[in-house]
Amino acid sequence: MTVAVVFSLPPKSLHPNARGHWKWVARDRHRYSDSCIARTLNALAGNRPRWKYAACQLRYYRTSKRRMDPDKLLSWAATAIDALQEAGLIENDKWLTHLPVEQVLGVPVQDERLEIEITPEREP
């Protein structure tokens, strides 16, 4: 069973290279986390599997035609990944296997988004 959750792109203040006042960064992180938890709960439809081991595939849809560093994209999505744990989809992100980040570039502005697919895995 694979669960796919669609989020809006994280705020620019949460990007690892962004330097903002801690108060505004904390506010943006809190708002984005609440949004991600709500979208995850909506995708789960009341089901909370709490998988211990899972694989995570991130797919960014961005208007820019320039590729970004995959490591930076992974850390940019940290708040969304933490929301998966808060919503009860995964038990802990410590055992989450991160698959390579995919980037779809040149999409219209209204189609910008972050998609995360979570697939359960067996215990190692």
Protein backbone atom coordinates (compact mmCIF):
# COMPACT_ATOMS: atom_id res chain seq x y z
CA MET A 1 0.00 0.00 0.00
CA THR A 2 1.51 3.29 -1.10
CA VAL A 3 0.30 6.61 0.27
CA ALA A 4 0.81 9.73 -1.84
CA VAL A 5 0.40 13.13 -0.21
CA VAL A 6 0.44 16.41 -2.14
CA PHE A 7 1.70 19.54 -0.35
CA SER A 8 2.28 23.10 -1.43
CA LEU A 9 5.93 24.04 -1.80
CA PRO A 10 7.58 24.88 1.54
CA PRO A 11 7.96 28.60 2.29
CA LYS A 12 11.20 30.16 1.08
CA SER A 13 12.11 30.98 4.69
CA LEU A 14 12.45 27.22 5.39
CA HIS A 15 15.02 26.74 2.63
CA PRO A 16 18.38 25.71 4.15
CA ASN A 17 20.18 28.69 2.57
CA ALA A 18 17.61 31.25 3.73
CA ARG A 19 18.59 33.55 6.54
CA GLY A 20 15.60 35.07 8.27
CA HIS A 21 14.69 36.23 11.71
CA TRP A 22 14.03 33.25 13.99
CA LYS A 23 10.55 34.56 14.82
CA TRP A 24 9.40 34.61 11.19
CA VAL A 25 11.03 31.27 10.41
CA ALA A 26 9.30 29.67 13.40
CA ARG A 27 5.95 31.17 12.35
CA ASP A 28 6.32 29.88 8.79
CA ARG A 29 7.42 26.44 10.00
CA HIS A 30 4.41 26.19 12.34
CA ARG A 31 1.91 27.24 9.65
CA TYR A 32 3.40 24.92 7.05
CA SER A 33 3.50 22.02 9.53
CA ASP A 34 -0.19 22.49 10.36
CA SER A 35 -1.05 22.53 6.66
CA CYS A 36 1.00 19.37 6.00
CA ILE A 37 -0.56 17.50 8.94
CA ALA A 38 -4.06 18.37 7.69
CA ARG A 39 -3.26 17.22 4.15
CA THR A 40 -1.72 13.98 5.42
CA LEU A 41 -4.74 13.20 7.59
CA ASN A 42 -6.98 13.93 4.61
CA ALA A 43 -4.95 11.53 2.42
CA LEU A 44 -5.09 8.81 5.10
CA ALA A 45 -8.90 9.10 5.39
CA GLY A 46 -8.93 8.27 9.10
CA ASN A 47 -6.43 5.42 8.80
CA ARG A 48 -3.18 5.74 10.83
CA PRO A 49 -0.85 2.88 9.91
CA ARG A 50 2.25 4.14 11.85
CA TRP A 51 4.72 2.22 9.70
CA LYS A 52 8.07 1.67 11.40
CA TYR A 53 10.07 1.14 8.20
CA ALA A 54 9.16 2.99 5.01
CA ALA A 55 10.63 4.41 1.82
CA CYS A 56 10.04 8.05 0.92
CA GLN A 57 10.05 9.47 -2.62
CA LEU A 58 9.98 13.27 -2.94
CA ARG A 59 8.91 14.87 -6.21
CA TYR A 60 9.12 18.65 -6.62
CA TYR A 61 7.09 20.43 -9.31
CA ARG A 62 8.59 23.91 -9.78
CA THR A 63 8.22 26.74 -12.30
CA SER A 64 11.96 27.32 -12.44
CA LYS A 65 13.85 25.55 -15.20
CA ARG A 66 16.98 25.39 -13.06
CA ARG A 67 17.78 22.26 -11.10
CA MET A 68 18.42 22.55 -7.39
CA ASP A 69 20.76 20.50 -5.25
CA PRO A 70 18.88 17.30 -4.21
CA ASP A 71 20.32 17.47 -0.68
CA LYS A 72 18.96 20.99 -0.24
CA LEU A 73 15.56 19.88 -1.55
CA LEU A 74 15.50 17.03 0.97
CA SER A 75 16.26 19.36 3.86
CA TRP A 76 13.74 21.90 2.52
CA ALA A 77 11.05 19.21 2.95
CA ALA A 78 12.03 18.37 6.54
CA THR A 79 8.92 20.04 7.99
CA ALA A 80 6.66 18.06 5.64
CA ILE A 81 8.42 14.80 6.55
CA ASP A 82 8.02 15.58 10.25
CA ALA A 83 4.31 16.18 9.61
CA LEU A 84 4.00 12.61 8.28
CA GLN A 85 5.10 11.42 11.70
CA GLU A 86 2.78 13.81 13.55
CA ALA A 87 -0.17 12.65 11.46
CA GLY A 88 0.52 8.99 12.27
CA LEU A 89 1.61 7.73 8.86
CA ILE A 90 5.09 6.71 10.03
CA GLU A 91 6.27 5.83 13.50
CA ASN A 92 9.54 7.75 13.35
CA ASP A 93 11.43 9.37 10.48
CA LYS A 94 14.63 7.83 11.82
CA TRP A 95 13.91 4.61 9.90
CA LEU A 96 12.72 6.37 6.74
CA THR A 97 14.64 5.48 3.56
CA HIS A 98 14.96 8.55 1.34
CA LEU A 99 14.91 7.69 -2.36
CA PRO A 100 16.52 10.15 -4.81
CA VAL A 101 14.61 13.42 -5.13
CA GLU A 102 12.88 13.97 -8.47
CA GLN A 103 12.43 17.40 -10.01
CA VAL A 104 9.83 18.33 -12.61
CA LEU A 105 10.74 21.75 -13.95
CA GLY A 106 8.89 24.35 -15.99
CA VAL A 107 5.36 23.75 -14.69
CA PRO A 108 2.82 26.61 -14.51
CA VAL A 109 2.77 28.61 -11.26
CA GLN A 110 -0.58 27.17 -10.13
CA ASP A 111 0.83 23.63 -10.42
CA GLU A 112 3.83 24.10 -8.12
CA ARG A 113 3.78 21.45 -5.42
CA LEU A 114 5.65 18.83 -3.45
CA GLU A 115 4.49 15.23 -3.70
CA ILE A 116 5.65 12.64 -1.20
CA GLU A 117 5.03 8.93 -1.78
CA ILE A 118 5.49 6.65 1.23
CA THR A 119 5.74 2.90 0.79
CA PRO A 120 6.06 0.49 3.73
CA GLU A 121 9.15 -1.70 3.89
CA ARG A 122 10.06 -4.87 5.75
CA GLU A 123 12.26 -4.79 8.78
CA PRO A 124 15.94 -5.12 7.86
